[in-house]
Amino acid sequence: MRVFLCEKPSQGKDIARVLGAGQRGNGCYSGAGVVVTWCIGHLVEAVPPEGYGEQYKRWAIEQLPILPSVGVSSPRRRPQRSSRSCNSSSPRRASW
């Protein structure tokens, strides 16, 4: 089974239509071997400055600009309910 996780319901609806996942569920669309679900809003967010190092937990103007070599992001703490409700009704549970 392939699971497609979208950022918003309208995007999920469009992708489900293209993939032939026409069965509407609680927070998802499903079809032959495909589930399309979504969260509402951003799934990840940029980490605060201290995520790049303890020295940035309390920074001073002299340390600016902070230019990391690699951007770091983390999952949002509270994604909306859509993906969880689809997960609970899906025949195969995913690990979220």
C-alpha atoms as a PDB file:
ATOM      1  CA  MET A   1       0.000   0.000   0.000  1.00  0.00           C
ATOM      2  CA  ARG A   2       1.264   3.469  -0.895  1.00  0.00           C
ATOM      3  CA  VAL A   3       0.328   6.378   1.353  1.00  0.00           C
ATOM      4  CA  PHE A   4       0.443   9.944   0.075  1.00  0.00           C
ATOM      5  CA  LEU A   5       0.495  12.610   2.770  1.00  0.00           C
ATOM      6  CA  CYS A   6      -0.598  16.044   1.572  1.00  0.00           C
ATOM      7  CA  GLU A   7      -0.477  19.426   3.242  1.00  0.00           C
ATOM      8  CA  LYS A   8      -4.133  20.342   2.796  1.00  0.00           C
ATOM      9  CA  PRO A   9      -7.473  18.725   1.859  1.00  0.00           C
ATOM     10  CA  SER A  10      -7.749  20.327  -1.597  1.00  0.00           C
ATOM     11  CA  GLN A  11      -4.329  18.998  -2.561  1.00  0.00           C
ATOM     12  CA  GLY A  12      -5.301  15.553  -1.259  1.00  0.00           C
ATOM     13  CA  LYS A  13      -8.505  15.588  -3.289  1.00  0.00           C
ATOM     14  CA  ASP A  14      -6.638  16.473  -6.501  1.00  0.00           C
ATOM     15  CA  ILE A  15      -3.973  13.820  -5.988  1.00  0.00           C
ATOM     16  CA  ALA A  16      -6.585  11.201  -5.078  1.00  0.00           C
ATOM     17  CA  ARG A  17      -8.490  11.959  -8.289  1.00  0.00           C
ATOM     18  CA  VAL A  18      -5.356  11.505 -10.406  1.00  0.00           C
ATOM     19  CA  LEU A  19      -4.425   8.255  -8.605  1.00  0.00           C
ATOM     20  CA  GLY A  20      -7.925   6.824  -8.876  1.00  0.00           C
ATOM     21  CA  ALA A  21      -8.507   6.793  -5.114  1.00  0.00           C
ATOM     22  CA  GLY A  22     -12.212   7.580  -5.183  1.00  0.00           C
ATOM     23  CA  GLN A  23     -13.438   6.006  -1.950  1.00  0.00           C
ATOM     24  CA  ARG A  24     -13.901   8.815   0.580  1.00  0.00           C
ATOM     25  CA  GLY A  25     -13.030   7.959   4.169  1.00  0.00           C
ATOM     26  CA  ASN A  26     -12.711   9.888   7.402  1.00  0.00           C
ATOM     27  CA  GLY A  27      -9.884  12.277   6.505  1.00  0.00           C
ATOM     28  CA  CYS A  28      -8.644  10.320   3.505  1.00  0.00           C
ATOM     29  CA  TYR A  29      -9.361   8.900   0.072  1.00  0.00           C
ATOM     30  CA  SER A  30      -8.490   5.314  -0.772  1.00  0.00           C
ATOM     31  CA  GLY A  31      -8.312   3.101  -3.803  1.00  0.00           C
ATOM     32  CA  ALA A  32      -6.523  -0.002  -5.045  1.00  0.00           C
ATOM     33  CA  GLY A  33      -3.347  -0.035  -2.957  1.00  0.00           C
ATOM     34  CA  VAL A  34      -3.411   3.739  -2.415  1.00  0.00           C
ATOM     35  CA  VAL A  35      -4.394   5.988   0.480  1.00  0.00           C
ATOM     36  CA  VAL A  36      -4.278   9.772   0.206  1.00  0.00           C
ATOM     37  CA  THR A  37      -4.537  11.710   3.445  1.00  0.00           C
ATOM     38  CA  TRP A  38      -3.627  15.170   4.661  1.00  0.00           C
ATOM     39  CA  CYS A  39      -2.892  17.373   7.578  1.00  0.00           C
ATOM     40  CA  ILE A  40      -4.033  20.941   7.709  1.00  0.00           C
ATOM     41  CA  GLY A  41      -1.100  23.313   7.630  1.00  0.00           C
ATOM     42  CA  HIS A  42       2.602  22.740   7.627  1.00  0.00           C
ATOM     43  CA  LEU A  43       3.935  19.342   8.666  1.00  0.00           C
ATOM     44  CA  VAL A  44       7.407  20.534   9.569  1.00  0.00           C
ATOM     45  CA  GLU A  45       8.835  23.795  10.848  1.00  0.00           C
ATOM     46  CA  ALA A  46      12.251  25.383  11.132  1.00  0.00           C
ATOM     47  CA  VAL A  47      14.008  24.764  14.430  1.00  0.00           C
ATOM     48  CA  PRO A  48      14.714  27.752  16.692  1.00  0.00           C
ATOM     49  CA  PRO A  49      18.280  29.096  16.834  1.00  0.00           C
ATOM     50  CA  GLU A  50      19.283  26.759  19.689  1.00  0.00           C
ATOM     51  CA  GLY A  51      18.542  23.840  17.349  1.00  0.00           C
ATOM     52  CA  TYR A  52      21.774  24.776  15.569  1.00  0.00           C
ATOM     53  CA  GLY A  53      23.842  24.832  18.761  1.00  0.00           C
ATOM     54  CA  GLU A  54      23.683  25.773  22.426  1.00  0.00           C
ATOM     55  CA  GLN A  55      25.713  28.908  21.705  1.00  0.00           C
ATOM     56  CA  TYR A  56      22.629  30.322  19.941  1.00  0.00           C
ATOM     57  CA  LYS A  57      20.233  29.743  22.836  1.00  0.00           C
ATOM     58  CA  ARG A  58      21.038  33.263  24.059  1.00  0.00           C
ATOM     59  CA  TRP A  59      22.558  35.134  21.178  1.00  0.00           C
ATOM     60  CA  ALA A  60      23.791  38.672  20.800  1.00  0.00           C
ATOM     61  CA  ILE A  61      23.574  41.022  17.849  1.00  0.00           C
ATOM     62  CA  GLU A  62      27.286  40.439  17.199  1.00  0.00           C
ATOM     63  CA  GLN A  63      26.561  36.775  16.339  1.00  0.00           C
ATOM     64  CA  LEU A  64      24.236  37.728  13.480  1.00  0.00           C
ATOM     65  CA  PRO A  65      23.689  36.624  10.851  1.00  0.00           C
ATOM     66  CA  ILE A  66      23.406  32.965  11.819  1.00  0.00           C
ATOM     67  CA  LEU A  67      24.231  31.133   8.593  1.00  0.00           C
ATOM     68  CA  PRO A  68      24.112  27.354   9.107  1.00  0.00           C
ATOM     69  CA  SER A  69      25.635  25.135   6.442  1.00  0.00           C
ATOM     70  CA  VAL A  70      22.501  22.928   6.464  1.00  0.00           C
ATOM     71  CA  GLY A  71      18.932  23.943   7.274  1.00  0.00           C
ATOM     72  CA  VAL A  72      17.300  21.953  10.073  1.00  0.00           C
ATOM     73  CA  SER A  73      13.582  21.308  10.414  1.00  0.00           C
ATOM     74  CA  SER A  74      11.487  19.255  12.784  1.00  0.00           C
ATOM     75  CA  PRO A  75       7.953  17.842  12.728  1.00  0.00           C
ATOM     76  CA  ARG A  76       5.299  20.106  14.166  1.00  0.00           C
ATOM     77  CA  ARG A  77       4.179  19.036  17.605  1.00  0.00           C
ATOM     78  CA  ARG A  78       0.452  19.159  16.872  1.00  0.00           C
ATOM     79  CA  PRO A  79      -0.538  18.160  13.349  1.00  0.00           C
ATOM     80  CA  GLN A  80      -4.255  18.316  12.704  1.00  0.00           C
ATOM     81  CA  ARG A  81      -6.532  15.321  13.068  1.00  0.00           C
ATOM     82  CA  SER A  82      -6.981  14.194   9.456  1.00  0.00           C
ATOM     83  CA  SER A  83      -4.009  11.857   9.207  1.00  0.00           C
ATOM     84  CA  ARG A  84      -4.716  10.254  12.552  1.00  0.00           C
ATOM     85  CA  SER A  85      -8.371   9.521  11.765  1.00  0.00           C
ATOM     86  CA  CYS A  86      -7.475   7.963   8.433  1.00  0.00           C
ATOM     87  CA  ASN A  87      -4.745   5.943  10.117  1.00  0.00           C
ATOM     88  CA  SER A  88      -7.196   4.472  12.610  1.00  0.00           C
ATOM     89  CA  SER A  89      -9.700   3.474   9.911  1.00  0.00           C
ATOM     90  CA  SER A  90      -7.128   2.137   7.446  1.00  0.00           C
ATOM     91  CA  PRO A  91      -6.858  -1.652   7.042  1.00  0.00           C
ATOM     92  CA  ARG A  92      -3.070  -1.363   7.401  1.00  0.00           C
ATOM     93  CA  ARG A  93      -1.860   0.975  10.113  1.00  0.00           C
ATOM     94  CA  ALA A  94       1.037   3.281   9.381  1.00  0.00           C
ATOM     95  CA  SER A  95       3.563   4.442  11.970  1.00  0.00           C
ATOM     96  CA  TRP A  96       3.111   8.184  12.372  1.00  0.00           C
END
